[in-house]
Amino acid sequence: MRKTFIAMPLMIIKAAIIKDGTIYTGKRHGDIFPQFPLGFLRCGEQGFVTDKGKFVNRGQAAKIAYECGQIPIKKSELFSEDLY
């Protein structure tokens, strides 16, 4: 008997900021900044982490969130407030 696997769509699980290859996460982007000295993450890129542990930018995250039903309308960029 042959098993059929259904690929589950990616989901967004956390807000994230990536800087120098390190990913910092939190429920919202505003929760991440206070954990570090003022200005530490200023040059970091804001985005999100998927359920597979991959960092994606705001545009990629918006597409993923829409396709898996986390947000009801298409957006060009995702903000953490869109998820809660």
C-alpha atoms as a PDB file:
ATOM      1  CA  MET A   1       0.000   0.000   0.000  1.00  0.00           C
ATOM      2  CA  ARG A   2       1.339   3.381  -0.993  1.00  0.00           C
ATOM      3  CA  LYS A   3       1.190   6.228   1.530  1.00  0.00           C
ATOM      4  CA  THR A   4       0.148   9.647   0.348  1.00  0.00           C
ATOM      5  CA  PHE A   5       1.512  12.659   2.153  1.00  0.00           C
ATOM      6  CA  ILE A   6      -0.251  15.981   1.959  1.00  0.00           C
ATOM      7  CA  ALA A   7       2.071  18.952   2.235  1.00  0.00           C
ATOM      8  CA  MET A   8       0.838  21.311   4.894  1.00  0.00           C
ATOM      9  CA  PRO A   9       1.155  24.998   4.066  1.00  0.00           C
ATOM     10  CA  LEU A  10       3.665  27.063   5.972  1.00  0.00           C
ATOM     11  CA  MET A  11       2.332  29.129   8.856  1.00  0.00           C
ATOM     12  CA  ILE A  12       3.665  32.220  10.576  1.00  0.00           C
ATOM     13  CA  ILE A  13       4.381  31.553  14.244  1.00  0.00           C
ATOM     14  CA  LYS A  14       6.390  34.522  15.578  1.00  0.00           C
ATOM     15  CA  ALA A  15       7.465  38.048  14.811  1.00  0.00           C
ATOM     16  CA  ALA A  16      11.204  38.225  14.230  1.00  0.00           C
ATOM     17  CA  ILE A  17      14.128  40.520  13.594  1.00  0.00           C
ATOM     18  CA  ILE A  18      17.248  39.215  11.903  1.00  0.00           C
ATOM     19  CA  LYS A  19      20.587  40.949  12.409  1.00  0.00           C
ATOM     20  CA  ASP A  20      23.997  39.637  11.439  1.00  0.00           C
ATOM     21  CA  GLY A  21      22.531  36.162  10.827  1.00  0.00           C
ATOM     22  CA  THR A  22      20.923  35.888  14.271  1.00  0.00           C
ATOM     23  CA  ILE A  23      17.122  35.727  14.554  1.00  0.00           C
ATOM     24  CA  TYR A  24      15.440  37.359  17.553  1.00  0.00           C
ATOM     25  CA  THR A  25      11.772  36.457  18.110  1.00  0.00           C
ATOM     26  CA  GLY A  26       8.725  37.540  20.077  1.00  0.00           C
ATOM     27  CA  LYS A  27       4.950  37.606  19.855  1.00  0.00           C
ATOM     28  CA  ARG A  28       5.157  41.084  18.316  1.00  0.00           C
ATOM     29  CA  HIS A  29       8.053  43.131  17.001  1.00  0.00           C
ATOM     30  CA  GLY A  30       7.508  45.622  19.809  1.00  0.00           C
ATOM     31  CA  ASP A  31       8.172  42.839  22.327  1.00  0.00           C
ATOM     32  CA  ILE A  32      11.604  42.126  20.847  1.00  0.00           C
ATOM     33  CA  PHE A  33      13.196  45.592  20.979  1.00  0.00           C
ATOM     34  CA  PRO A  34      13.016  46.142  24.776  1.00  0.00           C
ATOM     35  CA  GLN A  35      15.052  42.973  25.395  1.00  0.00           C
ATOM     36  CA  PHE A  36      18.191  44.641  24.011  1.00  0.00           C
ATOM     37  CA  PRO A  37      20.133  47.874  24.494  1.00  0.00           C
ATOM     38  CA  LEU A  38      18.662  50.892  22.721  1.00  0.00           C
ATOM     39  CA  GLY A  39      19.603  50.858  19.039  1.00  0.00           C
ATOM     40  CA  PHE A  40      21.000  47.307  19.053  1.00  0.00           C
ATOM     41  CA  LEU A  41      18.468  46.007  16.491  1.00  0.00           C
ATOM     42  CA  ARG A  42      18.165  49.249  14.512  1.00  0.00           C
ATOM     43  CA  CYS A  43      19.858  47.813  11.400  1.00  0.00           C
ATOM     44  CA  GLY A  44      18.060  44.480  11.651  1.00  0.00           C
ATOM     45  CA  GLU A  45      15.376  43.394   9.191  1.00  0.00           C
ATOM     46  CA  GLN A  46      11.886  42.914  10.590  1.00  0.00           C
ATOM     47  CA  GLY A  47      10.008  39.836   9.460  1.00  0.00           C
ATOM     48  CA  PHE A  48       8.583  36.611  10.814  1.00  0.00           C
ATOM     49  CA  VAL A  49       9.481  32.988  11.517  1.00  0.00           C
ATOM     50  CA  THR A  50       7.511  30.134   9.966  1.00  0.00           C
ATOM     51  CA  ASP A  51       6.558  26.882  11.653  1.00  0.00           C
ATOM     52  CA  LYS A  52       9.573  25.363   9.832  1.00  0.00           C
ATOM     53  CA  GLY A  53      11.916  27.814  11.583  1.00  0.00           C
ATOM     54  CA  LYS A  54      12.633  29.892   8.477  1.00  0.00           C
ATOM     55  CA  PHE A  55      12.929  33.685   8.604  1.00  0.00           C
ATOM     56  CA  VAL A  56      10.785  35.458   6.000  1.00  0.00           C
ATOM     57  CA  ASN A  57      10.439  39.166   5.279  1.00  0.00           C
ATOM     58  CA  ARG A  58       7.153  41.067   5.684  1.00  0.00           C
ATOM     59  CA  GLY A  59       6.115  40.525   2.046  1.00  0.00           C
ATOM     60  CA  GLN A  60       6.779  36.787   2.102  1.00  0.00           C
ATOM     61  CA  ALA A  61       5.021  36.519   5.459  1.00  0.00           C
ATOM     62  CA  ALA A  62       1.903  38.266   4.116  1.00  0.00           C
ATOM     63  CA  LYS A  63       1.678  35.746   1.268  1.00  0.00           C
ATOM     64  CA  ILE A  64       2.144  32.775   3.618  1.00  0.00           C
ATOM     65  CA  ALA A  65      -0.358  34.090   6.181  1.00  0.00           C
ATOM     66  CA  TYR A  66      -2.995  34.645   3.486  1.00  0.00           C
ATOM     67  CA  GLU A  67      -2.456  31.268   1.814  1.00  0.00           C
ATOM     68  CA  CYS A  68      -2.803  29.326   5.066  1.00  0.00           C
ATOM     69  CA  GLY A  69      -5.812  31.345   6.283  1.00  0.00           C
ATOM     70  CA  GLN A  70      -4.158  33.303   9.078  1.00  0.00           C
ATOM     71  CA  ILE A  71      -5.337  36.585   7.556  1.00  0.00           C
ATOM     72  CA  PRO A  72      -8.566  37.053   5.572  1.00  0.00           C
ATOM     73  CA  ILE A  73      -7.351  39.467   2.877  1.00  0.00           C
ATOM     74  CA  LYS A  74      -4.233  39.732   0.729  1.00  0.00           C
ATOM     75  CA  LYS A  75      -1.693  42.298   1.907  1.00  0.00           C
ATOM     76  CA  SER A  76       1.632  43.431   0.524  1.00  0.00           C
ATOM     77  CA  GLU A  77       3.284  43.303   3.970  1.00  0.00           C
ATOM     78  CA  LEU A  78       2.416  41.550   7.200  1.00  0.00           C
ATOM     79  CA  PHE A  79       2.542  43.260  10.582  1.00  0.00           C
ATOM     80  CA  SER A  80       2.330  41.355  13.858  1.00  0.00           C
ATOM     81  CA  GLU A  81      -0.877  43.231  14.670  1.00  0.00           C
ATOM     82  CA  ASP A  82      -2.491  41.504  11.666  1.00  0.00           C
ATOM     83  CA  LEU A  83      -2.222  38.149  13.430  1.00  0.00           C
ATOM     84  CA  TYR A  84      -3.710  39.073  16.833  1.00  0.00           C
END
